[in-house]
């Protein structure tokens, strides 16, 4: 078993006091690994200035001149 999946199952047991969930839940946990890796791949590629700091700033940036 993948170490990450084992950690998820241990966390479920620790926090909720139940054994590992059914097979569909295990597949969803496996999908979570890919989601986390995708976010990790973005680390250090975005900076604060890449996003508007507020809704008003987003409207200002998107307005037509």
PDB file of N, CA and C in Angstrom:
ATOM      1  N   UNK A   1       0.845  -1.182   0.000  1.00  0.00           N
ATOM      2  CA  UNK A   1       0.000   0.000   0.000  1.00  0.00           C
ATOM      3  C   UNK A   1       0.885   1.239   0.000  1.00  0.00           C
ATOM      4  N   UNK A   2       0.439   2.237  -0.724  1.00  0.00           N
ATOM      5  CA  UNK A   2       1.134   3.515  -0.783  1.00  0.00           C
ATOM      6  C   UNK A   2       1.251   4.104   0.633  1.00  0.00           C
ATOM      7  N   UNK A   3       2.428   4.642   0.986  1.00  0.00           N
ATOM      8  CA  UNK A   3       2.600   5.216   2.330  1.00  0.00           C
ATOM      9  C   UNK A   3       1.588   6.324   2.639  1.00  0.00           C
ATOM     10  N   UNK A   4       1.244   7.133   1.642  1.00  0.00           N
ATOM     11  CA  UNK A   4       0.273   8.200   1.864  1.00  0.00           C
ATOM     12  C   UNK A   4      -1.092   7.626   2.205  1.00  0.00           C
ATOM     13  N   UNK A   5      -1.516   6.580   1.465  1.00  0.00           N
ATOM     14  CA  UNK A   5      -2.805   5.953   1.750  1.00  0.00           C
ATOM     15  C   UNK A   5      -2.808   5.333   3.138  1.00  0.00           C
ATOM     16  N   UNK A   6      -1.702   4.716   3.522  1.00  0.00           N
ATOM     17  CA  UNK A   6      -1.603   4.147   4.867  1.00  0.00           C
ATOM     18  C   UNK A   6      -1.749   5.236   5.921  1.00  0.00           C
ATOM     19  N   UNK A   7      -1.137   6.387   5.675  1.00  0.00           N
ATOM     20  CA  UNK A   7      -1.241   7.512   6.606  1.00  0.00           C
ATOM     21  C   UNK A   7      -2.675   8.022   6.692  1.00  0.00           C
ATOM     22  N   UNK A   8      -3.367   8.084   5.568  1.00  0.00           N
ATOM     23  CA  UNK A   8      -4.766   8.513   5.578  1.00  0.00           C
ATOM     24  C   UNK A   8      -5.607   7.556   6.419  1.00  0.00           C
ATOM     25  N   UNK A   9      -5.406   6.266   6.222  1.00  0.00           N
ATOM     26  CA  UNK A   9      -6.174   5.285   6.992  1.00  0.00           C
ATOM     27  C   UNK A   9      -5.868   5.382   8.479  1.00  0.00           C
ATOM     28  N   UNK A  10      -4.610   5.598   8.829  1.00  0.00           N
ATOM     29  CA  UNK A  10      -4.252   5.767  10.234  1.00  0.00           C
ATOM     30  C   UNK A  10      -4.897   7.018  10.820  1.00  0.00           C
ATOM     31  N   UNK A  11      -4.922   8.083  10.035  1.00  0.00           N
ATOM     32  CA  UNK A  11      -5.535   9.325  10.496  1.00  0.00           C
ATOM     33  C   UNK A  11      -7.033   9.143  10.717  1.00  0.00           C
ATOM     34  N   UNK A  12      -7.690   8.438   9.808  1.00  0.00           N
ATOM     35  CA  UNK A  12      -9.124   8.165   9.966  1.00  0.00           C
ATOM     36  C   UNK A  12      -9.359   7.406  11.270  1.00  0.00           C
ATOM     37  N   UNK A  13      -8.554   6.396  11.511  1.00  0.00           N
ATOM     38  CA  UNK A  13      -8.703   5.606  12.732  1.00  0.00           C
ATOM     39  C   UNK A  13      -8.445   6.457  13.970  1.00  0.00           C
ATOM     40  N   UNK A  14      -7.397   7.276  13.918  1.00  0.00           N
ATOM     41  CA  UNK A  14      -7.028   8.110  15.065  1.00  0.00           C
ATOM     42  C   UNK A  14      -8.103   9.151  15.371  1.00  0.00           C
ATOM     43  N   UNK A  15      -8.590   9.849  14.358  1.00  0.00           N
ATOM     44  CA  UNK A  15      -9.520  10.943  14.582  1.00  0.00           C
ATOM     45  C   UNK A  15     -10.960  10.486  14.764  1.00  0.00           C
ATOM     46  N   UNK A  16     -11.342   9.426  14.063  1.00  0.00           N
ATOM     47  CA  UNK A  16     -12.751   9.042  14.060  1.00  0.00           C
ATOM     48  C   UNK A  16     -13.024   7.721  14.755  1.00  0.00           C
ATOM     49  N   UNK A  17     -11.977   6.977  15.085  1.00  0.00           N
ATOM     50  CA  UNK A  17     -12.150   5.732  15.795  1.00  0.00           C
ATOM     51  C   UNK A  17     -12.811   4.633  14.979  1.00  0.00           C
ATOM     52  N   UNK A  18     -12.681   4.697  13.667  1.00  0.00           N
ATOM     53  CA  UNK A  18     -13.243   3.662  12.800  1.00  0.00           C
ATOM     54  C   UNK A  18     -12.130   3.097  11.922  1.00  0.00           C
ATOM     55  N   UNK A  19     -12.374   1.922  11.405  1.00  0.00           N
ATOM     56  CA  UNK A  19     -11.379   1.331  10.518  1.00  0.00           C
ATOM     57  C   UNK A  19     -11.474   1.968   9.140  1.00  0.00           C
ATOM     58  N   UNK A  20     -10.522   1.612   8.311  1.00  0.00           N
ATOM     59  CA  UNK A  20     -10.448   2.202   6.969  1.00  0.00           C
ATOM     60  C   UNK A  20     -11.778   2.040   6.235  1.00  0.00           C
ATOM     61  N   UNK A  21     -12.146   3.039   5.444  1.00  0.00           N
ATOM     62  CA  UNK A  21     -13.414   2.989   4.721  1.00  0.00           C
ATOM     63  C   UNK A  21     -13.412   1.955   3.591  1.00  0.00           C
ATOM     64  N   UNK A  22     -14.510   1.923   2.881  1.00  0.00           N
ATOM     65  CA  UNK A  22     -14.694   0.948   1.802  1.00  0.00           C
ATOM     66  C   UNK A  22     -13.807   1.266   0.593  1.00  0.00           C
ATOM     67  N   UNK A  23     -13.876   0.408  -0.410  1.00  0.00           N
ATOM     68  CA  UNK A  23     -13.021   0.531  -1.590  1.00  0.00           C
ATOM     69  C   UNK A  23     -13.236   1.834  -2.363  1.00  0.00           C
ATOM     70  N   UNK A  24     -14.485   2.300  -2.572  1.00  0.00           N
ATOM     71  CA  UNK A  24     -14.632   3.598  -3.252  1.00  0.00           C
ATOM     72  C   UNK A  24     -13.938   4.729  -2.494  1.00  0.00           C
ATOM     73  N   UNK A  25     -13.994   4.693  -1.176  1.00  0.00           N
ATOM     74  CA  UNK A  25     -13.321   5.737  -0.395  1.00  0.00           C
ATOM     75  C   UNK A  25     -11.806   5.631  -0.550  1.00  0.00           C
ATOM     76  N   UNK A  26     -11.300   4.415  -0.643  1.00  0.00           N
ATOM     77  CA  UNK A  26      -9.858   4.250  -0.862  1.00  0.00           C
ATOM     78  C   UNK A  26      -9.453   4.831  -2.218  1.00  0.00           C
ATOM     79  N   UNK A  27     -10.293   4.641  -3.227  1.00  0.00           N
ATOM     80  CA  UNK A  27      -9.991   5.216  -4.549  1.00  0.00           C
ATOM     81  C   UNK A  27     -10.020   6.742  -4.485  1.00  0.00           C
ATOM     82  N   UNK A  28     -10.966   7.301  -3.737  1.00  0.00           N
ATOM     83  CA  UNK A  28     -11.023   8.756  -3.596  1.00  0.00           C
ATOM     84  C   UNK A  28      -9.773   9.277  -2.889  1.00  0.00           C
ATOM     85  N   UNK A  29      -9.296   8.543  -1.903  1.00  0.00           N
ATOM     86  CA  UNK A  29      -8.064   8.933  -1.213  1.00  0.00           C
ATOM     87  C   UNK A  29      -6.883   8.890  -2.174  1.00  0.00           C
ATOM     88  N   UNK A  30      -6.866   7.893  -3.048  1.00  0.00           N
ATOM     89  CA  UNK A  30      -5.799   7.801  -4.046  1.00  0.00           C
ATOM     90  C   UNK A  30      -5.857   9.003  -4.990  1.00  0.00           C
ATOM     91  N   UNK A  31      -7.061   9.436  -5.349  1.00  0.00           N
ATOM     92  CA  UNK A  31      -7.201  10.630  -6.186  1.00  0.00           C
ATOM     93  C   UNK A  31      -6.677  11.861  -5.459  1.00  0.00           C
ATOM     94  N   UNK A  32      -6.834  11.874  -4.150  1.00  0.00           N
ATOM     95  CA  UNK A  32      -6.347  12.994  -3.355  1.00  0.00           C
ATOM     96  C   UNK A  32      -4.837  13.149  -3.500  1.00  0.00           C
ATOM     97  N   UNK A  33      -4.138  12.041  -3.618  1.00  0.00           N
ATOM     98  CA  UNK A  33      -2.688  12.091  -3.806  1.00  0.00           C
ATOM     99  C   UNK A  33      -2.353  12.906  -5.055  1.00  0.00           C
ATOM    100  N   UNK A  34      -3.064  12.636  -6.144  1.00  0.00           N
ATOM    101  CA  UNK A  34      -2.802  13.363  -7.397  1.00  0.00           C
ATOM    102  C   UNK A  34      -3.125  14.843  -7.253  1.00  0.00           C
ATOM    103  N   UNK A  35      -4.194  15.163  -6.533  1.00  0.00           N
ATOM    104  CA  UNK A  35      -4.562  16.565  -6.315  1.00  0.00           C
ATOM    105  C   UNK A  35      -3.474  17.278  -5.529  1.00  0.00           C
ATOM    106  N   UNK A  36      -3.000  16.642  -4.476  1.00  0.00           N
ATOM    107  CA  UNK A  36      -1.940  17.250  -3.666  1.00  0.00           C
ATOM    108  C   UNK A  36      -0.675  17.438  -4.496  1.00  0.00           C
ATOM    109  N   UNK A  37      -0.321  16.457  -5.289  1.00  0.00           N
ATOM    110  CA  UNK A  37       0.886  16.582  -6.132  1.00  0.00           C
ATOM    111  C   UNK A  37       0.733  17.703  -7.154  1.00  0.00           C
ATOM    112  N   UNK A  38      -0.470  17.874  -7.681  1.00  0.00           N
ATOM    113  CA  UNK A  38      -0.705  18.960  -8.641  1.00  0.00           C
ATOM    114  C   UNK A  38      -0.513  20.320  -7.973  1.00  0.00           C
ATOM    115  N   UNK A  39      -1.016  20.465  -6.743  1.00  0.00           N
ATOM    116  CA  UNK A  39      -0.818  21.721  -6.024  1.00  0.00           C
ATOM    117  C   UNK A  39       0.650  21.919  -5.660  1.00  0.00           C
ATOM    118  N   UNK A  40       1.315  20.841  -5.276  1.00  0.00           N
ATOM    119  CA  UNK A  40       2.740  20.955  -4.960  1.00  0.00           C
ATOM    120  C   UNK A  40       3.551  21.387  -6.176  1.00  0.00           C
ATOM    121  N   UNK A  41       3.138  20.964  -7.352  1.00  0.00           N
ATOM    122  CA  UNK A  41       3.847  21.348  -8.573  1.00  0.00           C
ATOM    123  C   UNK A  41       3.735  22.846  -8.830  1.00  0.00           C
ATOM    124  N   UNK A  42       2.693  23.475  -8.305  1.00  0.00           N
ATOM    125  CA  UNK A  42       2.510  24.913  -8.485  1.00  0.00           C
ATOM    126  C   UNK A  42       3.288  25.746  -7.472  1.00  0.00           C
ATOM    127  N   UNK A  43       3.794  25.073  -6.452  1.00  0.00           N
ATOM    128  CA  UNK A  43       4.516  25.799  -5.412  1.00  0.00           C
ATOM    129  C   UNK A  43       5.635  26.631  -6.015  1.00  0.00           C
ATOM    130  N   UNK A  44       5.709  27.868  -5.604  1.00  0.00           N
ATOM    131  CA  UNK A  44       6.722  28.841  -6.040  1.00  0.00           C
ATOM    132  C   UNK A  44       6.544  29.308  -7.475  1.00  0.00           C
ATOM    133  N   UNK A  45       5.441  28.940  -8.127  1.00  0.00           N
ATOM    134  CA  UNK A  45       5.226  29.427  -9.483  1.00  0.00           C
ATOM    135  C   UNK A  45       4.294  30.632  -9.506  1.00  0.00           C
ATOM    136  N   UNK A  46       3.512  30.809  -8.458  1.00  0.00           N
ATOM    137  CA  UNK A  46       2.607  31.952  -8.371  1.00  0.00           C
ATOM    138  C   UNK A  46       3.089  32.891  -7.277  1.00  0.00           C
ATOM    139  N   UNK A  47       2.882  34.152  -7.483  1.00  0.00           N
ATOM    140  CA  UNK A  47       3.190  35.139  -6.462  1.00  0.00           C
ATOM    141  C   UNK A  47       1.932  35.933  -6.178  1.00  0.00           C
ATOM    142  N   UNK A  48       1.925  36.625  -5.075  1.00  0.00           N
ATOM    143  CA  UNK A  48       0.741  37.363  -4.655  1.00  0.00           C
ATOM    144  C   UNK A  48       0.236  38.300  -5.747  1.00  0.00           C
ATOM    145  N   UNK A  49       1.135  38.921  -6.454  1.00  0.00           N
ATOM    146  CA  UNK A  49       0.747  39.892  -7.463  1.00  0.00           C
ATOM    147  C   UNK A  49       0.033  39.266  -8.660  1.00  0.00           C
ATOM    148  N   UNK A  50       0.075  37.936  -8.794  1.00  0.00           N
ATOM    149  CA  UNK A  50      -0.604  37.273  -9.899  1.00  0.00           C
ATOM    150  C   UNK A  50      -2.127  37.307  -9.753  1.00  0.00           C
ATOM    151  N   UNK A  51      -2.609  37.544  -8.557  1.00  0.00           N
ATOM    152  CA  UNK A  51      -4.048  37.563  -8.295  1.00  0.00           C
ATOM    153  C   UNK A  51      -4.455  38.931  -7.783  1.00  0.00           C
ATOM    154  N   UNK A  52      -5.639  39.408  -8.169  1.00  0.00           N
ATOM    155  CA  UNK A  52      -6.135  40.662  -7.587  1.00  0.00           C
ATOM    156  C   UNK A  52      -6.329  40.491  -6.084  1.00  0.00           C
ATOM    157  N   UNK A  53      -6.081  41.551  -5.340  1.00  0.00           N
ATOM    158  CA  UNK A  53      -6.172  41.449  -3.887  1.00  0.00           C
ATOM    159  C   UNK A  53      -7.594  41.571  -3.371  1.00  0.00           C
ATOM    160  N   UNK A  54      -8.527  41.951  -4.216  1.00  0.00           N
ATOM    161  CA  UNK A  54      -9.912  42.084  -3.764  1.00  0.00           C
ATOM    162  C   UNK A  54     -10.849  41.961  -4.959  1.00  0.00           C
ATOM    163  N   UNK A  55     -12.121  41.837  -4.654  1.00  0.00           N
ATOM    164  CA  UNK A  55     -13.121  41.769  -5.708  1.00  0.00           C
ATOM    165  C   UNK A  55     -13.130  43.062  -6.515  1.00  0.00           C
ATOM    166  N   UNK A  56     -13.008  44.185  -5.816  1.00  0.00           N
ATOM    167  CA  UNK A  56     -12.992  45.470  -6.514  1.00  0.00           C
ATOM    168  C   UNK A  56     -11.791  45.568  -7.457  1.00  0.00           C
ATOM    169  N   UNK A  57     -10.647  45.068  -7.022  1.00  0.00           N
ATOM    170  CA  UNK A  57      -9.458  45.089  -7.878  1.00  0.00           C
ATOM    171  C   UNK A  57      -9.658  44.194  -9.088  1.00  0.00           C
ATOM    172  N   UNK A  58     -10.328  43.060  -8.898  1.00  0.00           N
ATOM    173  CA  UNK A  58     -10.606  42.161 -10.024  1.00  0.00           C
ATOM    174  C   UNK A  58     -11.536  42.848 -11.021  1.00  0.00           C
ATOM    175  N   UNK A  59     -12.554  43.538 -10.526  1.00  0.00           N
ATOM    176  CA  UNK A  59     -13.453  44.276 -11.426  1.00  0.00           C
ATOM    177  C   UNK A  59     -12.693  45.358 -12.176  1.00  0.00           C
ATOM    178  N   UNK A  60     -11.832  46.061 -11.466  1.00  0.00           N
ATOM    179  CA  UNK A  60     -11.050  47.119 -12.104  1.00  0.00           C
ATOM    180  C   UNK A  60     -10.167  46.550 -13.203  1.00  0.00           C
ATOM    181  N   UNK A  61      -9.509  45.422 -12.923  1.00  0.00           N
ATOM    182  CA  UNK A  61      -8.619  44.793 -13.901  1.00  0.00           C
ATOM    183  C   UNK A  61      -9.382  44.260 -15.114  1.00  0.00           C
ATOM    184  N   UNK A  62     -10.629  43.881 -14.907  1.00  0.00           N
ATOM    185  CA  UNK A  62     -11.408  43.273 -15.985  1.00  0.00           C
ATOM    186  C   UNK A  62     -12.244  44.267 -16.771  1.00  0.00           C
ATOM    187  N   UNK A  63     -12.346  45.488 -16.306  1.00  0.00           N
ATOM    188  CA  UNK A  63     -13.222  46.448 -16.991  1.00  0.00           C
ATOM    189  C   UNK A  63     -12.692  46.795 -18.369  1.00  0.00           C
ATOM    190  N   UNK A  64     -13.622  47.108 -19.236  1.00  0.00           N
ATOM    191  CA  UNK A  64     -13.248  47.513 -20.590  1.00  0.00           C
ATOM    192  C   UNK A  64     -12.996  49.010 -20.591  1.00  0.00           C
ATOM    193  N   UNK A  65     -11.987  49.414 -21.320  1.00  0.00           N
ATOM    194  CA  UNK A  65     -11.623  50.840 -21.370  1.00  0.00           C
ATOM    195  C   UNK A  65     -12.279  51.501 -22.547  1.00  0.00           C
TER     196      UNK A  65
END
